[in-house]
């Protein structure tokens, strides 16, 4: 079992459930050392003062905040204790909401909440909360203090366990209107034919979510490249794929949609023919709706 990152209790009204937190994900990135090119000698990083190159020991390290007029306010680790949240070993539940009410953009890192403690009491309390939350099909919103920082969290039942996902606060989400990139105006408005074909294409590509179908192909290629370099001492560089024509996305949008729709249906596109999807209203393309798995 993974090493617990946090141990405490889940507070649900007057009920306290002993739990421990473990990460629900694992880091599979390929890690490298920084070395000198040609010799493979490892490079050692040192902390030095920018203006004098004097080396700085760990016990001299501090953090600085630069004000608008360029002044550096130096803060030590002891100073940060004044802003630290009250240390608590409890996940305090504030309210329950429907999962569909939460935009996925708010979710951050997932964890498993495992039952903790000995005897039947903690396990019974855990199973009670798990079963009730599964039956209610709702998400508990609360707060947790972890690594000296307070986090907003969402707790729900998943696959027989309680999961806890840290969340972003509302002011951390950039307003999409601030990007200035929302398409507006008649010039960028799609035609009815384009919308009908796009809807039909989505329906043809709709299927149940099977995460096992997707693998980290970049990681596999990178590990293969490392092995090839180890065996032969060199790496074959593939020819780059040609860049797509920049105007195709807008100029030939309808043609690209029809070609994609025909490919999704396994049909051979006949030049000059029209897609049957555009003859009906949007959404009435004749494609059979696929069954969708219930959102968990």
Protein backbone atom coordinates (compact mmCIF):
# COMPACT_ATOMS: atom_id res chain seq x y z
CA UNK A 1 0.00 0.00 0.00
CA UNK A 2 1.31 3.54 -0.75
CA UNK A 3 2.69 5.50 2.17
CA UNK A 4 0.00 7.74 3.72
CA UNK A 5 0.55 11.44 3.07
CA UNK A 6 -1.85 12.59 5.78
CA UNK A 7 -3.69 10.91 8.64
CA UNK A 8 -6.68 12.35 10.46
CA UNK A 9 -10.46 12.17 10.40
CA UNK A 10 -13.35 13.10 8.16
CA UNK A 11 -15.86 15.25 10.06
CA UNK A 12 -19.47 14.76 8.98
CA UNK A 13 -21.70 16.63 11.41
CA UNK A 14 -20.97 15.05 14.78
CA UNK A 15 -19.56 11.91 13.15
CA UNK A 16 -15.76 11.58 12.88
CA UNK A 17 -14.38 8.92 10.56
CA UNK A 18 -10.65 8.05 10.96
CA UNK A 19 -9.01 8.19 7.52
CA UNK A 20 -5.63 8.36 5.84
CA UNK A 21 -4.77 10.01 2.55
CA UNK A 22 -2.79 8.40 -0.29
CA UNK A 23 -2.23 9.72 -3.79
CA UNK A 24 -4.57 8.25 -6.42
CA UNK A 25 -1.99 8.78 -9.17
CA UNK A 26 1.63 7.82 -9.70
CA UNK A 27 4.41 9.68 -11.45
CA UNK A 28 5.42 7.83 -14.62
CA UNK A 29 7.54 10.59 -16.17
CA UNK A 30 10.97 9.60 -17.45
CA UNK A 31 13.52 11.38 -15.23
CA UNK A 32 16.97 12.47 -16.34
CA UNK A 33 20.17 13.70 -14.69
CA UNK A 34 21.80 16.88 -15.93
CA UNK A 35 25.21 15.92 -17.30
CA UNK A 36 28.01 17.35 -19.41
CA UNK A 37 27.51 16.63 -23.11
CA UNK A 38 30.11 14.21 -24.48
CA UNK A 39 31.37 12.84 -21.15
CA UNK A 40 28.20 12.11 -19.17
CA UNK A 41 29.69 13.68 -16.03
CA UNK A 42 26.97 14.77 -13.66
CA UNK A 43 26.50 18.48 -13.08
CA UNK A 44 26.25 19.78 -9.53
CA UNK A 45 24.04 22.79 -8.94
CA UNK A 46 25.16 25.38 -6.42
CA UNK A 47 23.29 28.28 -4.82
CA UNK A 48 25.24 31.50 -5.24
CA UNK A 49 24.59 35.22 -4.81
CA UNK A 50 23.88 36.66 -8.26
CA UNK A 51 26.15 39.71 -7.92
CA UNK A 52 29.12 38.13 -6.12
CA UNK A 53 28.99 34.38 -6.86
CA UNK A 54 29.32 33.73 -3.11
CA UNK A 55 27.90 30.29 -2.25
CA UNK A 56 24.87 30.36 0.09
CA UNK A 57 24.40 27.65 2.74
CA UNK A 58 20.97 26.10 3.34
CA UNK A 59 20.62 27.78 6.76
CA UNK A 60 21.06 31.17 5.08
CA UNK A 61 18.29 30.59 2.58
CA UNK A 62 15.17 32.80 2.78
CA UNK A 63 12.42 33.94 0.43
CA UNK A 64 11.94 37.45 -0.85
CA UNK A 65 8.91 39.35 -2.11
CA UNK A 66 9.55 42.18 -4.56
CA UNK A 67 7.32 45.23 -4.16
CA UNK A 68 6.16 47.42 -7.04
CA UNK A 69 8.99 49.90 -6.39
CA UNK A 70 11.62 47.15 -6.46
CA UNK A 71 12.17 46.67 -2.73
CA UNK A 72 12.82 43.08 -1.58
CA UNK A 73 10.99 42.05 1.60
CA UNK A 74 12.90 39.10 3.10
CA UNK A 75 10.83 36.43 4.87
CA UNK A 76 12.24 33.56 6.90
CA UNK A 77 10.54 30.23 7.57
CA UNK A 78 9.60 31.51 11.03
CA UNK A 79 7.84 34.50 9.45
CA UNK A 80 5.61 32.20 7.41
CA UNK A 81 4.25 30.68 10.62
CA UNK A 82 2.18 33.86 11.01
CA UNK A 83 0.25 33.08 7.81
CA UNK A 84 0.01 29.33 8.32
CA UNK A 85 -3.54 27.96 8.71
CA UNK A 86 -4.56 26.41 11.99
CA UNK A 87 -3.06 22.95 12.03
CA UNK A 88 -5.83 20.41 12.12
CA UNK A 89 -6.17 16.72 11.39
CA UNK A 90 -9.76 16.95 10.21
CA UNK A 91 -11.42 17.21 6.83
CA UNK A 92 -14.33 19.49 7.69
CA UNK A 93 -17.34 18.96 5.43
CA UNK A 94 -19.28 22.18 4.75
CA UNK A 95 -22.02 21.07 2.36
CA UNK A 96 -23.08 18.53 -0.26
CA UNK A 97 -23.64 19.31 -3.94
CA UNK A 98 -24.43 17.41 -7.14
CA UNK A 99 -21.34 16.45 -9.13
CA UNK A 100 -22.79 17.98 -12.31
CA UNK A 101 -22.79 21.39 -10.61
CA UNK A 102 -18.98 21.42 -10.40
CA UNK A 103 -17.08 22.48 -13.51
CA UNK A 104 -14.16 20.01 -13.98
CA UNK A 105 -11.82 22.99 -14.33
CA UNK A 106 -11.96 23.34 -10.52
CA UNK A 107 -10.53 19.84 -9.89
CA UNK A 108 -6.81 19.57 -9.19
CA UNK A 109 -5.16 16.45 -7.68
CA UNK A 110 -6.97 13.20 -6.76
CA UNK A 111 -6.33 11.14 -3.62
CA UNK A 112 -7.85 8.05 -2.01
CA UNK A 113 -9.26 8.39 1.49
CA UNK A 114 -8.66 5.05 3.18
CA UNK A 115 -10.13 3.85 6.48
CA UNK A 116 -7.68 4.17 9.36
CA UNK A 117 -7.56 2.85 12.91
CA UNK A 118 -7.96 -0.58 14.45
CA UNK A 119 -11.10 -2.45 15.37
CA UNK A 120 -14.54 -2.56 13.79
CA UNK A 121 -15.60 0.98 14.81
CA UNK A 122 -13.54 3.00 12.28
CA UNK A 123 -14.33 0.60 9.45
CA UNK A 124 -18.04 0.68 10.26
CA UNK A 125 -18.10 4.49 10.32
CA UNK A 126 -16.19 4.62 7.03
CA UNK A 127 -18.53 2.17 5.32
CA UNK A 128 -21.56 4.08 6.60
CA UNK A 129 -20.36 7.37 5.10
CA UNK A 130 -19.25 5.66 1.88
CA UNK A 131 -22.57 3.88 1.39
CA UNK A 132 -24.63 6.96 2.21
CA UNK A 133 -22.67 9.13 -0.21
CA UNK A 134 -22.95 6.49 -2.94
CA UNK A 135 -26.71 6.32 -2.42
CA UNK A 136 -27.12 10.10 -2.37
CA UNK A 137 -24.86 10.43 -5.47
CA UNK A 138 -23.48 13.72 -4.17
CA UNK A 139 -20.11 15.33 -3.53
CA UNK A 140 -19.05 16.63 -0.12
CA UNK A 141 -17.23 19.99 -0.20
CA UNK A 142 -14.82 20.75 2.64
CA UNK A 143 -11.34 21.90 3.61
CA UNK A 144 -8.11 20.19 4.59
CA UNK A 145 -4.78 21.53 5.86
CA UNK A 146 -1.94 19.67 4.17
CA UNK A 147 1.73 20.68 3.91
CA UNK A 148 1.03 23.91 5.82
CA UNK A 149 -1.57 25.01 3.26
CA UNK A 150 -5.33 24.99 3.34
CA UNK A 151 -7.03 23.29 0.40
CA UNK A 152 -10.61 23.23 -0.82
CA UNK A 153 -11.56 19.59 -1.44
CA UNK A 154 -14.31 17.45 -2.94
CA UNK A 155 -15.04 14.04 -1.37
CA UNK A 156 -17.17 11.38 -3.06
CA UNK A 157 -17.61 7.63 -3.37
CA UNK A 158 -15.68 5.93 -6.18
CA UNK A 159 -15.05 2.23 -6.78
CA UNK A 160 -15.79 1.21 -3.19
CA UNK A 161 -13.63 3.90 -1.58
CA UNK A 162 -13.94 7.55 -0.72
CA UNK A 163 -11.92 9.81 -3.00
CA UNK A 164 -10.68 13.30 -2.12
CA UNK A 165 -9.76 15.77 -4.84
CA UNK A 166 -8.13 19.11 -4.10
CA UNK A 167 -9.81 22.00 -5.86
CA UNK A 168 -8.88 25.41 -7.17
CA UNK A 169 -10.48 28.47 -5.61
CA UNK A 170 -12.76 30.61 -7.77
CA UNK A 171 -10.27 33.48 -8.08
CA UNK A 172 -7.66 31.06 -9.48
CA UNK A 173 -9.77 30.43 -12.59
CA UNK A 174 -9.15 32.94 -15.36
CA UNK A 175 -12.36 34.44 -16.76
CA UNK A 176 -12.60 33.24 -20.38
CA UNK A 177 -13.78 36.71 -21.43
CA UNK A 178 -10.45 38.12 -20.23
CA UNK A 179 -8.66 36.19 -22.98
CA UNK A 180 -10.33 38.33 -25.63
CA UNK A 181 -10.48 35.27 -27.86
CA UNK A 182 -14.16 34.24 -27.74
CA UNK A 183 -15.35 34.04 -31.38
CA UNK A 184 -18.17 36.51 -32.01
CA UNK A 185 -19.84 38.22 -34.94
CA UNK A 186 -21.41 37.02 -38.19
CA UNK A 187 -18.08 36.45 -39.94
CA UNK A 188 -17.18 33.51 -37.68
CA UNK A 189 -20.70 32.06 -37.39
CA UNK A 190 -20.89 28.49 -38.80
CA UNK A 191 -23.49 27.63 -41.42
CA UNK A 192 -26.37 25.25 -40.70
CA UNK A 193 -24.71 22.64 -42.93
CA UNK A 194 -21.45 22.85 -40.97
CA UNK A 195 -23.27 22.55 -37.64
CA UNK A 196 -25.31 19.56 -38.87
CA UNK A 197 -22.20 17.76 -40.12
CA UNK A 198 -20.29 18.53 -36.92
CA UNK A 199 -23.14 17.16 -34.77
CA UNK A 200 -23.32 14.03 -36.92
CA UNK A 201 -19.54 13.56 -36.65
CA UNK A 202 -19.71 13.82 -32.86
CA UNK A 203 -22.51 11.25 -32.76
CA UNK A 204 -20.51 8.85 -34.94
CA UNK A 205 -17.46 9.24 -32.67
CA UNK A 206 -19.40 8.87 -29.41
CA UNK A 207 -18.58 5.76 -27.36
CA UNK A 208 -18.20 4.65 -23.78
CA UNK A 209 -15.15 5.95 -21.95
CA UNK A 210 -12.46 3.25 -21.72
CA UNK A 211 -9.29 4.80 -20.21
CA UNK A 212 -7.30 1.60 -20.86
CA UNK A 213 -7.45 2.35 -24.60
CA UNK A 214 -5.09 5.28 -24.15
CA UNK A 215 -1.40 4.85 -23.35
CA UNK A 216 1.42 7.35 -22.93
CA UNK A 217 2.91 6.91 -26.40
CA UNK A 218 5.48 9.65 -25.84
CA UNK A 219 6.88 7.83 -22.80
CA UNK A 220 7.08 4.58 -24.80
CA UNK A 221 8.91 6.34 -27.66
CA UNK A 222 11.28 8.03 -25.24
CA UNK A 223 12.19 4.75 -23.50
CA UNK A 224 12.69 3.14 -26.92
CA UNK A 225 14.91 6.01 -27.98
CA UNK A 226 17.03 5.61 -24.82
CA UNK A 227 17.45 1.89 -25.48
CA UNK A 228 18.36 2.54 -29.13
CA UNK A 229 20.97 5.09 -28.05
CA UNK A 230 22.39 2.65 -25.48
CA UNK A 231 22.73 -0.17 -28.03
CA UNK A 232 23.89 1.67 -31.13
CA UNK A 233 25.20 4.97 -29.82
CA UNK A 234 22.96 6.99 -32.13
CA UNK A 235 19.29 7.78 -32.71
CA UNK A 236 17.47 7.84 -36.02
CA UNK A 237 15.51 11.07 -36.41
CA UNK A 238 12.24 10.59 -38.36
CA UNK A 239 11.30 12.97 -41.13
CA UNK A 240 9.01 15.74 -39.81
CA UNK A 241 5.42 15.62 -40.97
CA UNK A 242 4.42 18.45 -43.34
CA UNK A 243 2.68 21.39 -41.76
CA UNK A 244 -1.06 21.60 -42.55
CA UNK A 245 -2.19 24.36 -44.84
CA UNK A 246 -2.99 27.35 -42.61
CA UNK A 247 -6.18 28.28 -44.46
CA UNK A 248 -7.70 24.76 -44.54
CA UNK A 249 -9.43 25.07 -41.17
CA UNK A 250 -11.62 27.94 -42.33
CA UNK A 251 -11.53 27.75 -46.12
CA UNK A 252 -12.43 24.08 -46.53
CA UNK A 253 -14.29 23.54 -43.25
CA UNK A 254 -17.39 22.00 -44.80
CA UNK A 255 -15.37 19.70 -47.06
CA UNK A 256 -13.21 18.60 -44.12
CA UNK A 257 -16.33 17.86 -42.07
CA UNK A 258 -17.88 15.77 -44.85
CA UNK A 259 -14.64 13.86 -45.38
CA UNK A 260 -14.30 13.21 -41.64
CA UNK A 261 -17.93 12.09 -41.37
CA UNK A 262 -17.55 9.68 -44.28
CA UNK A 263 -14.37 8.27 -42.75
CA UNK A 264 -16.07 7.82 -39.36
CA UNK A 265 -18.92 5.94 -41.02
CA UNK A 266 -16.51 3.76 -42.97
CA UNK A 267 -17.81 5.10 -46.24
CA UNK A 268 -15.82 6.01 -49.35
CA UNK A 269 -16.47 9.61 -50.21
CA UNK A 270 -17.82 10.06 -53.74
CA UNK A 271 -16.90 13.47 -55.22
CA UNK A 272 -19.89 15.75 -55.70
CA UNK A 273 -22.19 13.89 -53.32
CA UNK A 274 -23.78 15.45 -50.30
CA UNK A 275 -23.71 14.07 -46.79
CA UNK A 276 -27.16 12.81 -45.73
CA UNK A 277 -26.60 14.41 -42.34
CA UNK A 278 -27.28 17.96 -43.53
CA UNK A 279 -30.74 17.28 -44.93
CA UNK A 280 -32.33 17.13 -41.51
CA UNK A 281 -32.40 19.52 -38.62
CA UNK A 282 -29.48 19.74 -36.26
CA UNK A 283 -29.45 16.64 -34.07
CA UNK A 284 -31.70 14.61 -36.42
CA UNK A 285 -28.93 13.04 -38.45
CA UNK A 286 -30.25 9.53 -38.40
CA UNK A 287 -27.23 8.29 -36.48
CA UNK A 288 -28.14 5.92 -33.72
CA UNK A 289 -27.41 7.37 -30.28
CA UNK A 290 -24.81 5.42 -28.34
CA UNK A 291 -25.37 4.44 -24.74
CA UNK A 292 -23.34 6.49 -22.28
CA UNK A 293 -21.98 5.19 -19.03
CA UNK A 294 -23.24 6.88 -15.90
CA UNK A 295 -20.86 9.54 -14.70
CA UNK A 296 -18.96 8.43 -11.63
